[in-house]
Amino acid sequence: MSTMTMRAKTRVDLIGHSPEILALQEEIERVARSDAKVLITGESGVGKEIVARSIHTLGPRAPMPFAPVNCAGLPETLLESELFGHVKGSFTGAYRDKPGKLETAHTGMVFLDEVGEMTLRMQGLLLRFLETGELQKVGADGGSRHVDVRVIAATNRNLRELISQGQFRDDLYYRLNVIHIVVPPLRDRREDIPELVEHFLGRYVAANRSPITEVSPAAMKALCAHSWPGNVRELENVIERLVVNAKGPQIMPEDLPPDIRAQDAISFRPRRERRRTVADDLYKRLTENGESFWTSVYPLFMEREITRANVREVVRKGLEEARGNYKIVARIFNMDTRDYKRFLNFLRKHDCQIPFKEYR
């Protein structure tokens, strides 16, 4: 599945122009410049691996290997070997020495997909590697090797909930969660659906030499109304199926799967009113309810109840109203004049500061 297209090593194009996807693109570009560990969360099918690959492609490690590992797809013993490698004779079937992904990706990046599915023992082994950088192969008596890899992890599970249930180590969580990127579900960026449909339609029409040329307005309306629990992956699969099965040249509502065709005007909300975002609600609390940034936004961010993208959007709204003047933004956000430097330091520290010149 692909929700974005790599055009060059210095550019990432996400399909869509919703505020959510533009904020995600900005975050990817900023994160790519660092070497920090990243935890990517989001529902299944939103494109977490594509985000990881984008970070790699845009970063200084781009020429080096990108090694994905599906932590949910292998039993513990095989996952340990897949990550760390093994020596000959260490277990039945180990007929030769084999390097693991962490070794073969030396100076590159390892992507740990579905890290929330790791057993506690594997979590301990991973934690030790993250703390020391030393690689201990399965069956090796000693002679560990130090490797240099950037680690990006992803999960669709709530790791804090797993921690409270004793199923995930909190020390590993804090090791992985240096930078947290949340990939929005497709239902939260419905305005991107037509563009995604056209993207996948072009791909599968060419691959299948299909006579289909377009999606009818009625069919597109139904596609936009669907809740897409499987997110972009589900949308891509539906479009591929339509290209293969539809009679063409235009995809009609009757060509759609029954669950999508059943959506009607009751479930579909025309865009006469833009959906309120978290940033809209926070900005209203600041500007209409008279609350301070330090009591309404700051604590939510520090407790990870809202994301960096939410804070940046609130700041962006303030800059628009203040015409690029951060001192006025501080007043709009009901801060004491003595808090101005503290405000800027907070934004810089957490990568929430936005260039002001474009708003002047």
Protein backbone atom coordinates (compact mmCIF):
# COMPACT_ATOMS: atom_id res chain seq x y z
CA MET A 1 0.00 0.00 0.00
CA SER A 2 1.22 3.46 -0.77
CA THR A 3 -0.26 6.67 0.50
CA MET A 4 2.55 8.78 -0.81
CA THR A 5 4.91 8.87 -3.76
CA MET A 6 8.68 9.32 -3.62
CA ARG A 7 9.76 11.62 -6.42
CA ALA A 8 13.27 12.20 -5.12
CA LYS A 9 15.38 11.66 -2.07
CA THR A 10 14.67 15.21 -0.95
CA ARG A 11 10.92 15.24 -1.48
CA VAL A 12 7.92 13.43 -0.09
CA ASP A 13 4.49 13.93 -1.62
CA LEU A 14 1.56 12.70 0.38
CA ILE A 15 -1.60 12.12 -1.58
CA GLY A 16 -4.08 14.70 -0.41
CA HIS A 17 -4.14 18.30 0.73
CA SER A 18 -6.11 18.08 3.97
CA PRO A 19 -4.68 19.96 6.98
CA GLU A 20 -4.00 16.61 8.62
CA ILE A 21 -1.91 15.27 5.76
CA LEU A 22 -0.04 18.55 5.24
CA ALA A 23 0.87 18.61 8.94
CA LEU A 24 2.04 15.00 8.69
CA GLN A 25 4.22 15.82 5.70
CA GLU A 26 5.81 18.72 7.54
CA GLU A 27 6.49 16.49 10.54
CA ILE A 28 8.09 13.79 8.37
CA GLU A 29 10.41 16.32 6.79
CA ARG A 30 11.48 17.70 10.17
CA VAL A 31 11.97 14.29 11.77
CA ALA A 32 13.98 13.00 8.80
CA ARG A 33 16.75 15.50 9.52
CA SER A 34 17.42 14.01 12.96
CA ASP A 35 18.63 10.59 14.02
CA ALA A 36 16.17 10.22 16.89
CA LYS A 37 14.06 7.13 17.44
CA VAL A 38 10.48 7.47 16.22
CA LEU A 39 7.27 5.77 17.31
CA ILE A 40 4.57 5.82 14.64
CA THR A 41 1.04 5.04 15.78
CA GLY A 42 -2.24 4.79 13.93
CA GLU A 43 -4.90 2.35 12.90
CA SER A 44 -4.20 -0.60 10.64
CA GLY A 45 -3.94 0.39 7.00
CA VAL A 46 -3.16 4.10 7.42
CA GLY A 47 0.35 3.79 5.96
CA LYS A 48 2.73 3.65 8.92
CA GLU A 49 5.44 1.82 6.98
CA ILE A 50 5.23 4.37 4.19
CA VAL A 51 5.79 7.12 6.75
CA ALA A 52 8.85 5.24 8.03
CA ARG A 53 10.21 4.76 4.52
CA SER A 54 9.66 8.46 3.84
CA ILE A 55 11.65 9.43 6.93
CA HIS A 56 14.45 7.17 5.73
CA THR A 57 14.39 8.45 2.16
CA LEU A 58 14.56 12.08 3.25
CA GLY A 59 17.29 11.56 5.85
CA PRO A 60 21.07 11.32 5.73
CA ARG A 61 20.89 7.50 5.93
CA ALA A 62 18.94 7.31 2.65
CA PRO A 63 21.74 5.59 0.66
CA MET A 64 21.99 2.85 3.30
CA PRO A 65 19.63 -0.13 3.88
CA PHE A 66 16.05 0.15 5.09
CA ALA A 67 15.13 -3.09 6.87
CA PRO A 68 11.47 -3.71 7.80
CA VAL A 69 10.62 -6.39 10.35
CA ASN A 70 7.05 -7.53 11.03
CA CYS A 71 7.07 -8.25 14.76
CA ALA A 72 3.60 -9.81 14.57
CA GLY A 73 4.39 -12.17 11.72
CA LEU A 74 6.96 -14.42 13.40
CA PRO A 75 7.05 -16.53 16.57
CA GLU A 76 9.44 -15.36 19.26
CA THR A 77 12.38 -17.64 18.38
CA LEU A 78 12.27 -16.75 14.68
CA LEU A 79 11.81 -13.05 15.43
CA GLU A 80 14.90 -13.11 17.66
CA SER A 81 16.89 -14.70 14.84
CA GLU A 82 15.41 -12.28 12.29
CA LEU A 83 16.49 -9.28 14.34
CA PHE A 84 19.76 -10.39 15.90
CA GLY A 85 20.91 -13.23 13.63
CA HIS A 86 22.13 -16.65 14.71
CA VAL A 87 25.20 -18.87 14.60
CA LYS A 88 25.40 -22.30 12.99
CA GLY A 89 23.90 -25.06 15.14
CA SER A 90 22.13 -22.71 17.56
CA PHE A 91 18.80 -24.41 16.85
CA THR A 92 17.29 -27.04 14.56
CA GLY A 93 17.60 -25.81 11.01
CA ALA A 94 20.45 -23.36 11.74
CA TYR A 95 22.79 -24.89 9.16
CA ARG A 96 24.92 -21.77 8.80
CA ASP A 97 25.62 -18.45 10.42
CA LYS A 98 23.04 -15.85 9.48
CA PRO A 99 23.16 -12.09 10.09
CA GLY A 100 20.03 -10.42 11.45
CA LYS A 101 18.29 -7.31 10.16
CA LEU A 102 19.99 -5.13 12.77
CA GLU A 103 23.37 -6.22 11.41
CA THR A 104 22.58 -6.04 7.70
CA ALA A 105 21.10 -2.57 8.18
CA HIS A 106 24.29 -1.22 9.78
CA THR A 107 24.45 2.59 9.19
CA GLY A 108 20.89 2.39 7.84
CA MET A 109 17.44 2.06 9.41
CA VAL A 110 15.39 -0.76 10.93
CA PHE A 111 11.60 -0.48 10.96
CA LEU A 112 9.90 -2.55 13.66
CA ASP A 113 6.30 -2.89 12.52
CA GLU A 114 3.67 -3.92 15.09
CA VAL A 115 6.17 -3.64 17.94
CA GLY A 116 3.26 -3.95 20.38
CA GLU A 117 3.02 -7.65 19.51
CA MET A 118 6.48 -8.47 20.87
CA THR A 119 6.71 -10.83 23.84
CA LEU A 120 8.12 -9.43 27.08
CA ARG A 121 11.30 -11.45 26.59
CA MET A 122 11.82 -9.98 23.12
CA GLN A 123 11.10 -6.53 24.49
CA GLY A 124 13.91 -7.05 27.00
CA LEU A 125 16.34 -8.09 24.27
CA LEU A 126 15.39 -5.09 22.16
CA LEU A 127 15.76 -2.74 25.13
CA ARG A 128 19.26 -4.02 25.81
CA PHE A 129 20.24 -3.43 22.19
CA LEU A 130 18.80 0.11 22.23
CA GLU A 131 20.73 0.90 25.38
CA THR A 132 24.10 -0.55 24.30
CA GLY A 133 24.02 -0.86 20.51
CA GLU A 134 25.58 -4.29 20.97
CA LEU A 135 24.34 -7.23 18.93
CA GLN A 136 24.24 -10.68 20.53
CA LYS A 137 23.41 -13.41 18.00
CA VAL A 138 21.29 -16.40 18.94
CA GLY A 139 23.58 -19.20 20.11
CA ALA A 140 26.68 -17.01 20.34
CA ASP A 141 28.79 -17.37 23.50
CA GLY A 142 30.30 -13.91 23.26
CA GLY A 143 31.94 -11.51 20.86
CA SER A 144 29.01 -9.13 20.49
CA ARG A 145 29.23 -6.59 17.71
CA HIS A 146 28.32 -2.91 17.93
CA VAL A 147 26.05 -1.70 15.12
CA ASP A 148 24.78 1.74 14.18
CA VAL A 149 21.16 1.78 13.06
CA ARG A 150 18.30 4.21 13.39
CA VAL A 151 15.24 2.49 14.87
CA ILE A 152 11.69 3.40 13.94
CA ALA A 153 8.82 1.44 15.47
CA ALA A 154 5.12 1.36 14.68
CA THR A 155 2.00 -0.09 16.21
CA ASN A 156 -1.79 0.08 15.98
CA ARG A 157 -2.03 -0.88 19.65
CA ASN A 158 -2.37 1.48 22.61
CA LEU A 159 1.01 0.94 24.26
CA ARG A 160 0.06 2.86 27.41
CA GLU A 161 -2.86 0.50 27.86
CA LEU A 162 -0.57 -2.50 27.31
CA ILE A 163 1.82 -1.11 29.91
CA SER A 164 -1.01 -0.85 32.46
CA GLN A 165 -1.88 -4.49 31.69
CA GLY A 166 1.72 -5.62 32.16
CA GLN A 167 2.08 -6.58 28.49
CA PHE A 168 4.57 -3.91 27.42
CA ARG A 169 7.65 -2.58 29.19
CA ASP A 170 7.43 1.07 30.13
CA ASP A 171 11.23 1.48 29.87
CA LEU A 172 11.11 0.22 26.27
CA TYR A 173 8.18 2.53 25.53
CA TYR A 174 10.17 5.57 26.65
CA ARG A 175 13.19 4.41 24.65
CA LEU A 176 11.14 4.13 21.46
CA ASN A 177 8.90 7.16 22.01
CA VAL A 178 11.48 9.91 21.52
CA ILE A 179 9.42 11.36 18.67
CA HIS A 180 5.79 10.34 18.31
CA ILE A 181 4.03 10.57 14.95
CA VAL A 182 0.30 9.88 14.74
CA VAL A 183 -0.98 8.93 11.27
CA PRO A 184 -4.63 10.04 10.93
CA PRO A 185 -7.31 7.55 9.86
CA LEU A 186 -8.88 8.05 6.46
CA ARG A 187 -12.27 9.00 7.92
CA ASP A 188 -10.61 12.07 9.48
CA ARG A 189 -9.42 13.31 6.11
CA ARG A 190 -12.30 12.47 3.81
CA GLU A 191 -11.49 15.42 1.57
CA ASP A 192 -8.44 13.44 0.40
CA ILE A 193 -10.50 10.46 -0.76
CA PRO A 194 -11.17 11.69 -4.34
CA GLU A 195 -7.46 12.29 -4.88
CA LEU A 196 -6.59 8.88 -3.47
CA VAL A 197 -9.24 7.26 -5.66
CA GLU A 198 -7.77 8.89 -8.77
CA HIS A 199 -4.28 7.81 -7.76
CA PHE A 200 -5.19 4.15 -7.27
CA LEU A 201 -7.50 4.17 -10.29
CA GLY A 202 -4.65 5.31 -12.53
CA ARG A 203 -2.35 2.65 -11.12
CA TYR A 204 -4.69 -0.31 -11.53
CA VAL A 205 -6.21 0.77 -14.84
CA ALA A 206 -2.70 0.80 -16.31
CA ALA A 207 -1.72 -2.50 -14.65
CA ASN A 208 -4.87 -4.30 -15.86
CA ARG A 209 -5.27 -2.51 -19.21
CA SER A 210 -8.78 -1.68 -18.12
CA PRO A 211 -11.22 0.39 -20.22
CA ILE A 212 -12.39 2.26 -17.10
CA THR A 213 -11.75 5.98 -17.32
CA GLU A 214 -13.46 7.54 -14.29
CA VAL A 215 -15.66 7.21 -11.21
CA SER A 216 -19.16 8.64 -11.51
CA PRO A 217 -20.08 11.52 -9.13
CA ALA A 218 -22.64 9.31 -7.36
CA ALA A 219 -20.10 6.54 -6.83
CA MET A 220 -17.51 9.03 -5.60
CA LYS A 221 -20.04 10.42 -3.12
CA ALA A 222 -20.59 6.92 -1.74
CA LEU A 223 -16.84 6.32 -1.51
CA CYS A 224 -16.43 9.57 0.44
CA ALA A 225 -19.30 8.65 2.77
CA HIS A 226 -17.85 5.27 3.73
CA SER A 227 -16.15 5.07 7.14
CA TRP A 228 -13.17 3.03 5.81
CA PRO A 229 -12.31 0.97 8.90
CA GLY A 230 -9.42 -0.53 6.93
CA ASN A 231 -8.24 2.95 5.95
CA VAL A 232 -6.13 3.56 2.83
CA ARG A 233 -5.31 -0.12 2.42
CA GLU A 234 -9.02 -0.93 2.24
CA LEU A 235 -9.62 1.89 -0.24
CA GLU A 236 -6.80 0.64 -2.47
CA ASN A 237 -8.15 -2.91 -2.41
CA VAL A 238 -11.66 -1.69 -3.29
CA ILE A 239 -10.38 0.33 -6.24
CA GLU A 240 -8.34 -2.61 -7.55
CA ARG A 241 -11.41 -4.87 -7.28
CA LEU A 242 -13.56 -2.29 -9.08
CA VAL A 243 -11.06 -1.97 -11.91
CA VAL A 244 -11.09 -5.74 -12.39
CA ASN A 245 -14.85 -6.27 -12.04
CA ALA A 246 -16.59 -3.08 -13.21
CA LYS A 247 -18.08 -3.13 -16.70
CA GLY A 248 -16.81 0.37 -17.46
CA PRO A 249 -15.96 2.81 -18.80
CA GLN A 250 -17.39 4.60 -15.74
CA ILE A 251 -17.60 3.13 -12.24
CA MET A 252 -21.20 3.45 -11.09
CA PRO A 253 -22.80 3.08 -7.60
CA GLU A 254 -24.07 -0.38 -8.51
CA ASP A 255 -20.47 -1.48 -9.10
CA LEU A 256 -19.51 -0.71 -5.49
CA PRO A 257 -19.38 -3.33 -2.71
CA PRO A 258 -22.71 -3.61 -0.83
CA ASP A 259 -21.38 -2.08 2.42
CA ILE A 260 -20.23 1.02 0.56
CA ARG A 261 -23.29 1.16 -1.68
CA ALA A 262 -25.51 1.12 1.41
CA GLN A 263 -24.18 4.49 2.58
CA ASP A 264 -26.82 7.13 2.06
CA ALA A 265 -27.38 10.81 2.64
CA ILE A 266 -28.00 10.22 6.35
CA SER A 267 -24.47 8.94 6.94
CA PHE A 268 -22.88 11.33 4.47
CA ARG A 269 -22.26 14.87 5.67
CA PRO A 270 -21.94 17.36 2.82
CA ARG A 271 -19.10 19.77 3.28
CA ARG A 272 -21.27 22.78 3.97
CA GLU A 273 -19.58 22.90 7.39
CA ARG A 274 -15.93 22.09 7.87
CA ARG A 275 -15.38 19.43 10.51
CA ARG A 276 -14.12 20.99 13.72
CA THR A 277 -10.65 19.88 14.66
CA VAL A 278 -8.88 19.55 17.99
CA ALA A 279 -7.01 22.76 17.16
CA ASP A 280 -10.30 24.57 16.51
CA ASP A 281 -11.59 23.62 19.95
CA LEU A 282 -8.35 24.58 21.68
CA TYR A 283 -8.19 27.91 19.86
CA LYS A 284 -11.76 28.66 20.89
CA ARG A 285 -10.86 27.98 24.53
CA LEU A 286 -8.00 30.47 24.22
CA THR A 287 -9.70 33.24 22.30
CA GLU A 288 -13.33 32.98 23.39
CA ASN A 289 -13.19 31.38 26.82
CA GLY A 290 -10.18 33.38 27.96
CA GLU A 291 -8.13 30.36 29.02
CA SER A 292 -4.34 30.51 29.10
CA PHE A 293 -2.08 28.45 26.86
CA TRP A 294 -0.40 27.10 30.00
CA THR A 295 -3.64 25.70 31.44
CA SER A 296 -5.44 24.52 28.29
CA VAL A 297 -2.84 23.48 25.70
CA TYR A 298 0.44 22.87 27.53
CA PRO A 299 -0.77 20.18 29.98
CA LEU A 300 -2.59 18.25 27.26
CA PHE A 301 0.55 18.16 25.14
CA MET A 302 2.83 17.14 27.99
CA GLU A 303 0.44 14.31 28.89
CA ARG A 304 0.39 13.28 25.20
CA GLU A 305 -3.35 13.85 24.96
CA ILE A 306 -2.74 16.03 21.90
CA THR A 307 -0.03 15.84 19.25
CA ARG A 308 2.67 18.17 18.05
CA ALA A 309 0.59 18.74 14.93
CA ASN A 310 -2.31 19.95 17.10
CA VAL A 311 -0.09 22.48 18.89
CA ARG A 312 1.41 23.70 15.62
CA GLU A 313 -2.06 24.22 14.19
CA VAL A 314 -3.08 26.27 17.24
CA VAL A 315 0.08 28.38 16.87
CA ARG A 316 -0.58 28.76 13.15
CA LYS A 317 -4.05 30.13 13.86
CA GLY A 318 -2.54 32.58 16.32
CA LEU A 319 0.08 33.73 13.81
CA GLU A 320 -2.61 34.30 11.19
CA GLU A 321 -4.54 36.53 13.57
CA ALA A 322 -1.39 38.28 14.82
CA ARG A 323 0.03 38.67 11.31
CA GLY A 324 3.20 36.84 12.20
CA ASN A 325 3.95 38.56 15.51
CA TYR A 326 4.74 36.02 18.23
CA LYS A 327 4.44 38.64 20.99
CA ILE A 328 0.86 39.29 19.93
CA VAL A 329 0.26 35.54 19.78
CA ALA A 330 1.37 35.31 23.41
CA ARG A 331 -1.19 37.99 24.33
CA ILE A 332 -3.91 36.24 22.31
CA PHE A 333 -3.09 33.07 24.24
CA ASN A 334 -3.61 34.97 27.51
CA MET A 335 -0.02 34.82 28.74
CA ASP A 336 1.78 37.20 31.03
CA THR A 337 4.38 39.32 29.21
CA ARG A 338 7.04 37.63 31.34
CA ASP A 339 6.08 34.27 29.77
CA TYR A 340 7.03 35.28 26.22
CA LYS A 341 10.51 33.73 26.32
CA ARG A 342 9.17 30.65 28.09
CA PHE A 343 6.59 30.29 25.30
CA LEU A 344 9.22 30.49 22.54
CA ASN A 345 11.52 28.08 24.38
CA PHE A 346 8.66 25.60 24.68
CA LEU A 347 7.90 25.83 20.94
CA ARG A 348 11.57 25.39 19.98
CA LYS A 349 12.17 22.51 22.38
CA HIS A 350 9.19 20.53 21.12
CA ASP A 351 9.55 21.51 17.45
CA CYS A 352 6.27 23.41 17.45
CA GLN A 353 7.61 26.76 16.25
CA ILE A 354 6.38 27.93 12.85
CA PRO A 355 8.18 30.45 10.59
CA PHE A 356 6.37 33.75 11.02
CA LYS A 357 7.37 35.56 7.82
CA GLU A 358 4.70 33.94 5.64
CA TYR A 359 2.00 35.48 7.85
CA ARG A 360 3.25 39.06 7.55
